[in-house]
Amino acid sequence: MNIILKSFYVIFLLLLISCMAGAEVTPWPKAFIDQTTHAFAPVIAGAEVIHHFNIANQGGVPLNIVGVQTG
């Protein structure tokens, strides 16, 4: 009885490992931002200032940016 139980356990583990080996890895988006902050020099009140941040997607699926906050 003990040999049958051990054999069942080994077969179960081999089956589980073989199922996991065939699983596909889900791709994710991966944002790469070369500069995460920017400090503006003193600005006259009411003046418009602009700064562009470069964001690159290094992942395997589209990257959706759903929100941006100022500091």
PDB file of N, CA and C in Angstrom:
ATOM      1  N   MET A   1       0.824  -1.196   0.000  1.00  0.00           N
ATOM      2  CA  MET A   1       0.000   0.000   0.000  1.00  0.00           C
ATOM      3  C   MET A   1       0.866   1.258   0.000  1.00  0.00           C
ATOM      4  N   ASN A   2       1.957   1.235   0.755  1.00  0.00           N
ATOM      5  CA  ASN A   2       2.847   2.372   0.846  1.00  0.00           C
ATOM      6  C   ASN A   2       3.503   2.673  -0.506  1.00  0.00           C
ATOM      7  N   ILE A   3       3.862   1.647  -1.261  1.00  0.00           N
ATOM      8  CA  ILE A   3       4.479   1.824  -2.579  1.00  0.00           C
ATOM      9  C   ILE A   3       3.475   2.436  -3.549  1.00  0.00           C
ATOM     10  N   ILE A   4       2.241   2.026  -3.487  1.00  0.00           N
ATOM     11  CA  ILE A   4       1.199   2.570  -4.371  1.00  0.00           C
ATOM     12  C   ILE A   4       0.986   4.052  -4.074  1.00  0.00           C
ATOM     13  N   LEU A   5       0.946   4.414  -2.816  1.00  0.00           N
ATOM     14  CA  LEU A   5       0.757   5.805  -2.428  1.00  0.00           C
ATOM     15  C   LEU A   5       1.936   6.670  -2.881  1.00  0.00           C
ATOM     16  N   LYS A   6       3.152   6.179  -2.720  1.00  0.00           N
ATOM     17  CA  LYS A   6       4.334   6.919  -3.169  1.00  0.00           C
ATOM     18  C   LYS A   6       4.339   7.058  -4.688  1.00  0.00           C
ATOM     19  N   SER A   7       3.960   6.002  -5.392  1.00  0.00           N
ATOM     20  CA  SER A   7       3.907   6.050  -6.857  1.00  0.00           C
ATOM     21  C   SER A   7       2.877   7.069  -7.321  1.00  0.00           C
ATOM     22  N   PHE A   8       1.723   7.087  -6.684  1.00  0.00           N
ATOM     23  CA  PHE A   8       0.681   8.056  -7.030  1.00  0.00           C
ATOM     24  C   PHE A   8       1.182   9.479  -6.801  1.00  0.00           C
ATOM     25  N   TYR A   9       1.873   9.708  -5.696  1.00  0.00           N
ATOM     26  CA  TYR A   9       2.407  11.019  -5.367  1.00  0.00           C
ATOM     27  C   TYR A   9       3.430  11.473  -6.410  1.00  0.00           C
ATOM     28  N   VAL A  10       4.326  10.587  -6.813  1.00  0.00           N
ATOM     29  CA  VAL A  10       5.348  10.919  -7.813  1.00  0.00           C
ATOM     30  C   VAL A  10       4.697  11.217  -9.158  1.00  0.00           C
ATOM     31  N   ILE A  11       3.732  10.423  -9.565  1.00  0.00           N
ATOM     32  CA  ILE A  11       3.037  10.646 -10.837  1.00  0.00           C
ATOM     33  C   ILE A  11       2.295  11.974 -10.803  1.00  0.00           C
ATOM     34  N   PHE A  12       1.658  12.268  -9.686  1.00  0.00           N
ATOM     35  CA  PHE A  12       0.944  13.537  -9.545  1.00  0.00           C
ATOM     36  C   PHE A  12       1.901  14.719  -9.672  1.00  0.00           C
ATOM     37  N   LEU A  13       3.046  14.662  -9.019  1.00  0.00           N
ATOM     38  CA  LEU A  13       4.022  15.745  -9.111  1.00  0.00           C
ATOM     39  C   LEU A  13       4.559  15.911 -10.528  1.00  0.00           C
ATOM     40  N   LEU A  14       4.850  14.818 -11.202  1.00  0.00           N
ATOM     41  CA  LEU A  14       5.332  14.897 -12.586  1.00  0.00           C
ATOM     42  C   LEU A  14       4.278  15.502 -13.499  1.00  0.00           C
ATOM     43  N   LEU A  15       3.037  15.137 -13.308  1.00  0.00           N
ATOM     44  CA  LEU A  15       1.948  15.695 -14.108  1.00  0.00           C
ATOM     45  C   LEU A  15       1.800  17.190 -13.837  1.00  0.00           C
ATOM     46  N   LEU A  16       1.879  17.578 -12.587  1.00  0.00           N
ATOM     47  CA  LEU A  16       1.768  18.986 -12.223  1.00  0.00           C
ATOM     48  C   LEU A  16       2.906  19.806 -12.825  1.00  0.00           C
ATOM     49  N   ILE A  17       4.118  19.304 -12.759  1.00  0.00           N
ATOM     50  CA  ILE A  17       5.276  20.007 -13.320  1.00  0.00           C
ATOM     51  C   ILE A  17       5.165  20.119 -14.835  1.00  0.00           C
ATOM     52  N   SER A  18       4.703  19.073 -15.498  1.00  0.00           N
ATOM     53  CA  SER A  18       4.580  19.129 -16.957  1.00  0.00           C
ATOM     54  C   SER A  18       3.504  20.117 -17.379  1.00  0.00           C
ATOM     55  N   CYS A  19       2.449  20.264 -16.606  1.00  0.00           N
ATOM     56  CA  CYS A  19       1.410  21.253 -16.926  1.00  0.00           C
ATOM     57  C   CYS A  19       1.931  22.670 -16.743  1.00  0.00           C
ATOM     58  N   MET A  20       2.722  22.887 -15.725  1.00  0.00           N
ATOM     59  CA  MET A  20       3.265  24.214 -15.468  1.00  0.00           C
ATOM     60  C   MET A  20       4.297  24.606 -16.515  1.00  0.00           C
ATOM     61  N   ALA A  21       5.015  23.661 -17.061  1.00  0.00           N
ATOM     62  CA  ALA A  21       6.051  23.954 -18.052  1.00  0.00           C
ATOM     63  C   ALA A  21       5.445  24.470 -19.347  1.00  0.00           C
ATOM     64  N   GLY A  22       4.234  24.062 -19.675  1.00  0.00           N
ATOM     65  CA  GLY A  22       3.596  24.493 -20.907  1.00  0.00           C
ATOM     66  C   GLY A  22       2.791  25.766 -20.767  1.00  0.00           C
ATOM     67  N   ALA A  23       2.733  26.343 -19.578  1.00  0.00           N
ATOM     68  CA  ALA A  23       1.942  27.554 -19.354  1.00  0.00           C
ATOM     69  C   ALA A  23       2.598  28.741 -20.049  1.00  0.00           C
ATOM     70  N   GLU A  24       1.769  29.582 -20.667  1.00  0.00           N
ATOM     71  CA  GLU A  24       2.273  30.768 -21.343  1.00  0.00           C
ATOM     72  C   GLU A  24       2.417  31.905 -20.342  1.00  0.00           C
ATOM     73  N   VAL A  25       3.427  32.720 -20.550  1.00  0.00           N
ATOM     74  CA  VAL A  25       3.638  33.888 -19.713  1.00  0.00           C
ATOM     75  C   VAL A  25       2.870  35.049 -20.327  1.00  0.00           C
ATOM     76  N   THR A  26       2.043  35.696 -19.532  1.00  0.00           N
ATOM     77  CA  THR A  26       1.256  36.826 -20.017  1.00  0.00           C
ATOM     78  C   THR A  26       2.150  38.055 -20.116  1.00  0.00           C
ATOM     79  N   PRO A  27       2.207  38.698 -21.294  1.00  0.00           N
ATOM     80  CA  PRO A  27       3.027  39.904 -21.421  1.00  0.00           C
ATOM     81  C   PRO A  27       2.379  41.079 -20.688  1.00  0.00           C
ATOM     82  N   TRP A  28       3.189  41.980 -20.194  1.00  0.00           N
ATOM     83  CA  TRP A  28       2.718  43.160 -19.482  1.00  0.00           C
ATOM     84  C   TRP A  28       3.335  44.402 -20.102  1.00  0.00           C
ATOM     85  N   PRO A  29       2.668  45.551 -19.998  1.00  0.00           N
ATOM     86  CA  PRO A  29       3.321  46.790 -20.407  1.00  0.00           C
ATOM     87  C   PRO A  29       4.380  47.164 -19.372  1.00  0.00           C
ATOM     88  N   LYS A  30       5.431  47.825 -19.821  1.00  0.00           N
ATOM     89  CA  LYS A  30       6.489  48.240 -18.900  1.00  0.00           C
ATOM     90  C   LYS A  30       6.918  49.650 -19.283  1.00  0.00           C
ATOM     91  N   ALA A  31       6.563  50.609 -18.442  1.00  0.00           N
ATOM     92  CA  ALA A  31       6.890  52.004 -18.721  1.00  0.00           C
ATOM     93  C   ALA A  31       8.332  52.297 -18.324  1.00  0.00           C
ATOM     94  N   PHE A  32       9.044  52.964 -19.216  1.00  0.00           N
ATOM     95  CA  PHE A  32      10.391  53.440 -18.914  1.00  0.00           C
ATOM     96  C   PHE A  32      10.369  54.957 -19.022  1.00  0.00           C
ATOM     97  N   ILE A  33      10.692  55.634 -17.921  1.00  0.00           N
ATOM     98  CA  ILE A  33      10.699  57.098 -17.883  1.00  0.00           C
ATOM     99  C   ILE A  33      12.117  57.530 -17.550  1.00  0.00           C
ATOM    100  N   ASP A  34      12.763  58.237 -18.486  1.00  0.00           N
ATOM    101  CA  ASP A  34      14.163  58.604 -18.272  1.00  0.00           C
ATOM    102  C   ASP A  34      14.333  59.735 -17.257  1.00  0.00           C
ATOM    103  N   GLN A  35      13.307  60.553 -17.065  1.00  0.00           N
ATOM    104  CA  GLN A  35      13.373  61.662 -16.110  1.00  0.00           C
ATOM    105  C   GLN A  35      12.022  61.724 -15.404  1.00  0.00           C
ATOM    106  N   THR A  36      11.993  61.515 -14.094  1.00  0.00           N
ATOM    107  CA  THR A  36      10.712  61.453 -13.380  1.00  0.00           C
ATOM    108  C   THR A  36      10.327  62.761 -12.702  1.00  0.00           C
ATOM    109  N   THR A  37      11.251  63.702 -12.578  1.00  0.00           N
ATOM    110  CA  THR A  37      10.935  65.003 -11.974  1.00  0.00           C
ATOM    111  C   THR A  37      11.574  66.118 -12.790  1.00  0.00           C
ATOM    112  N   HIS A  38      11.036  67.329 -12.613  1.00  0.00           N
ATOM    113  CA  HIS A  38      11.622  68.506 -13.252  1.00  0.00           C
ATOM    114  C   HIS A  38      11.342  69.703 -12.354  1.00  0.00           C
ATOM    115  N   ALA A  39      12.360  70.480 -12.051  1.00  0.00           N
ATOM    116  CA  ALA A  39      12.207  71.687 -11.237  1.00  0.00           C
ATOM    117  C   ALA A  39      12.345  72.901 -12.151  1.00  0.00           C
ATOM    118  N   PHE A  40      11.282  73.680 -12.251  1.00  0.00           N
ATOM    119  CA  PHE A  40      11.320  74.891 -13.060  1.00  0.00           C
ATOM    120  C   PHE A  40      12.064  75.987 -12.304  1.00  0.00           C
ATOM    121  N   ALA A  41      12.736  76.853 -13.056  1.00  0.00           N
ATOM    122  CA  ALA A  41      13.343  78.048 -12.478  1.00  0.00           C
ATOM    123  C   ALA A  41      12.198  78.983 -12.072  1.00  0.00           C
ATOM    124  N   PRO A  42      12.476  80.008 -11.278  1.00  0.00           N
ATOM    125  CA  PRO A  42      11.399  80.943 -10.915  1.00  0.00           C
ATOM    126  C   PRO A  42      10.688  81.472 -12.162  1.00  0.00           C
ATOM    127  N   VAL A  43       9.362  81.549 -12.067  1.00  0.00           N
ATOM    128  CA  VAL A  43       8.527  81.940 -13.208  1.00  0.00           C
ATOM    129  C   VAL A  43       7.674  83.130 -12.804  1.00  0.00           C
ATOM    130  N   ILE A  44       7.486  84.062 -13.721  1.00  0.00           N
ATOM    131  CA  ILE A  44       6.615  85.212 -13.480  1.00  0.00           C
ATOM    132  C   ILE A  44       5.177  84.706 -13.398  1.00  0.00           C
ATOM    133  N   ALA A  45       4.417  85.230 -12.460  1.00  0.00           N
ATOM    134  CA  ALA A  45       3.027  84.805 -12.274  1.00  0.00           C
ATOM    135  C   ALA A  45       2.244  84.967 -13.572  1.00  0.00           C
ATOM    136  N   GLY A  46       1.513  83.938 -13.946  1.00  0.00           N
ATOM    137  CA  GLY A  46       0.690  83.963 -15.153  1.00  0.00           C
ATOM    138  C   GLY A  46       1.407  83.459 -16.395  1.00  0.00           C
ATOM    139  N   ALA A  47       2.719  83.261 -16.316  1.00  0.00           N
ATOM    140  CA  ALA A  47       3.464  82.772 -17.475  1.00  0.00           C
ATOM    141  C   ALA A  47       3.202  81.276 -17.655  1.00  0.00           C
ATOM    142  N   GLU A  48       3.213  80.848 -18.907  1.00  0.00           N
ATOM    143  CA  GLU A  48       3.014  79.428 -19.211  1.00  0.00           C
ATOM    144  C   GLU A  48       4.373  78.752 -19.346  1.00  0.00           C
ATOM    145  N   VAL A  49       4.532  77.641 -18.653  1.00  0.00           N
ATOM    146  CA  VAL A  49       5.763  76.867 -18.762  1.00  0.00           C
ATOM    147  C   VAL A  49       5.412  75.451 -19.194  1.00  0.00           C
ATOM    148  N   ILE A  50       6.285  74.858 -19.985  1.00  0.00           N
ATOM    149  CA  ILE A  50       6.039  73.517 -20.523  1.00  0.00           C
ATOM    150  C   ILE A  50       7.297  72.678 -20.345  1.00  0.00           C
ATOM    151  N   HIS A  51       7.091  71.425 -20.017  1.00  0.00           N
ATOM    152  CA  HIS A  51       8.190  70.461 -19.987  1.00  0.00           C
ATOM    153  C   HIS A  51       7.656  69.130 -20.499  1.00  0.00           C
ATOM    154  N   HIS A  52       8.387  68.478 -21.364  1.00  0.00           N
ATOM    155  CA  HIS A  52       7.973  67.191 -21.919  1.00  0.00           C
ATOM    156  C   HIS A  52       8.727  66.065 -21.221  1.00  0.00           C
ATOM    157  N   PHE A  53       7.986  65.033 -20.833  1.00  0.00           N
ATOM    158  CA  PHE A  53       8.586  63.825 -20.279  1.00  0.00           C
ATOM    159  C   PHE A  53       8.496  62.732 -21.331  1.00  0.00           C
ATOM    160  N   ASN A  54       9.593  62.034 -21.560  1.00  0.00           N
ATOM    161  CA  ASN A  54       9.608  60.925 -22.511  1.00  0.00           C
ATOM    162  C   ASN A  54       9.268  59.628 -21.780  1.00  0.00           C
ATOM    163  N   ILE A  55       8.248  58.941 -22.268  1.00  0.00           N
ATOM    164  CA  ILE A  55       7.827  57.666 -21.691  1.00  0.00           C
ATOM    165  C   ILE A  55       7.868  56.633 -22.802  1.00  0.00           C
ATOM    166  N   ALA A  56       8.613  55.562 -22.594  1.00  0.00           N
ATOM    167  CA  ALA A  56       8.726  54.497 -23.590  1.00  0.00           C
ATOM    168  C   ALA A  56       8.127  53.216 -23.023  1.00  0.00           C
ATOM    169  N   ASN A  57       7.409  52.490 -23.851  1.00  0.00           N
ATOM    170  CA  ASN A  57       6.849  51.204 -23.455  1.00  0.00           C
ATOM    171  C   ASN A  57       7.839  50.115 -23.849  1.00  0.00           C
ATOM    172  N   GLN A  58       8.396  49.434 -22.860  1.00  0.00           N
ATOM    173  CA  GLN A  58       9.332  48.347 -23.124  1.00  0.00           C
ATOM    174  C   GLN A  58       8.686  46.992 -22.894  1.00  0.00           C
ATOM    175  N   GLY A  59       7.370  46.962 -22.799  1.00  0.00           N
ATOM    176  CA  GLY A  59       6.651  45.716 -22.566  1.00  0.00           C
ATOM    177  C   GLY A  59       6.128  45.128 -23.854  1.00  0.00           C
ATOM    178  N   GLY A  60       5.378  44.035 -23.710  1.00  0.00           N
ATOM    179  CA  GLY A  60       4.889  43.309 -24.869  1.00  0.00           C
ATOM    180  C   GLY A  60       3.474  43.648 -25.292  1.00  0.00           C
ATOM    181  N   VAL A  61       2.795  44.530 -24.554  1.00  0.00           N
ATOM    182  CA  VAL A  61       1.427  44.932 -24.891  1.00  0.00           C
ATOM    183  C   VAL A  61       1.334  46.446 -24.766  1.00  0.00           C
ATOM    184  N   PRO A  62       0.274  47.062 -25.333  1.00  0.00           N
ATOM    185  CA  PRO A  62       0.149  48.522 -25.273  1.00  0.00           C
ATOM    186  C   PRO A  62       0.122  49.053 -23.835  1.00  0.00           C
ATOM    187  N   LEU A  63       0.721  50.215 -23.649  1.00  0.00           N
ATOM    188  CA  LEU A  63       0.758  50.898 -22.359  1.00  0.00           C
ATOM    189  C   LEU A  63      -0.281  52.006 -22.382  1.00  0.00           C
ATOM    190  N   ASN A  64      -1.232  51.970 -21.464  1.00  0.00           N
ATOM    191  CA  ASN A  64      -2.265  53.003 -21.364  1.00  0.00           C
ATOM    192  C   ASN A  64      -1.996  53.856 -20.133  1.00  0.00           C
ATOM    193  N   ILE A  65      -1.804  55.156 -20.336  1.00  0.00           N
ATOM    194  CA  ILE A  65      -1.602  56.082 -19.224  1.00  0.00           C
ATOM    195  C   ILE A  65      -2.958  56.698 -18.925  1.00  0.00           C
ATOM    196  N   VAL A  66      -3.482  56.431 -17.741  1.00  0.00           N
ATOM    197  CA  VAL A  66      -4.842  56.858 -17.415  1.00  0.00           C
ATOM    198  C   VAL A  66      -4.885  58.070 -16.494  1.00  0.00           C
ATOM    199  N   GLY A  67      -3.760  58.532 -16.011  1.00  0.00           N
ATOM    200  CA  GLY A  67      -3.777  59.704 -15.147  1.00  0.00           C
ATOM    201  C   GLY A  67      -2.383  60.262 -14.930  1.00  0.00           C
ATOM    202  N   VAL A  68      -2.334  61.581 -14.748  1.00  0.00           N
ATOM    203  CA  VAL A  68      -1.079  62.276 -14.489  1.00  0.00           C
ATOM    204  C   VAL A  68      -1.355  63.299 -13.393  1.00  0.00           C
ATOM    205  N   GLN A  69      -0.414  63.460 -12.460  1.00  0.00           N
ATOM    206  CA  GLN A  69      -0.579  64.433 -11.385  1.00  0.00           C
ATOM    207  C   GLN A  69       0.602  65.384 -11.350  1.00  0.00           C
ATOM    208  N   THR A  70       0.319  66.626 -11.009  1.00  0.00           N
ATOM    209  CA  THR A  70       1.391  67.590 -10.794  1.00  0.00           C
ATOM    210  C   THR A  70       1.794  67.549  -9.337  1.00  0.00           C
ATOM    211  N   GLY A  71       2.982  68.007  -9.046  1.00  0.00           N
ATOM    212  CA  GLY A  71       3.492  67.918  -7.679  1.00  0.00           C
ATOM    213  C   GLY A  71       3.344  69.133  -6.886  1.00  0.00           C
TER     214      GLY A  71
END
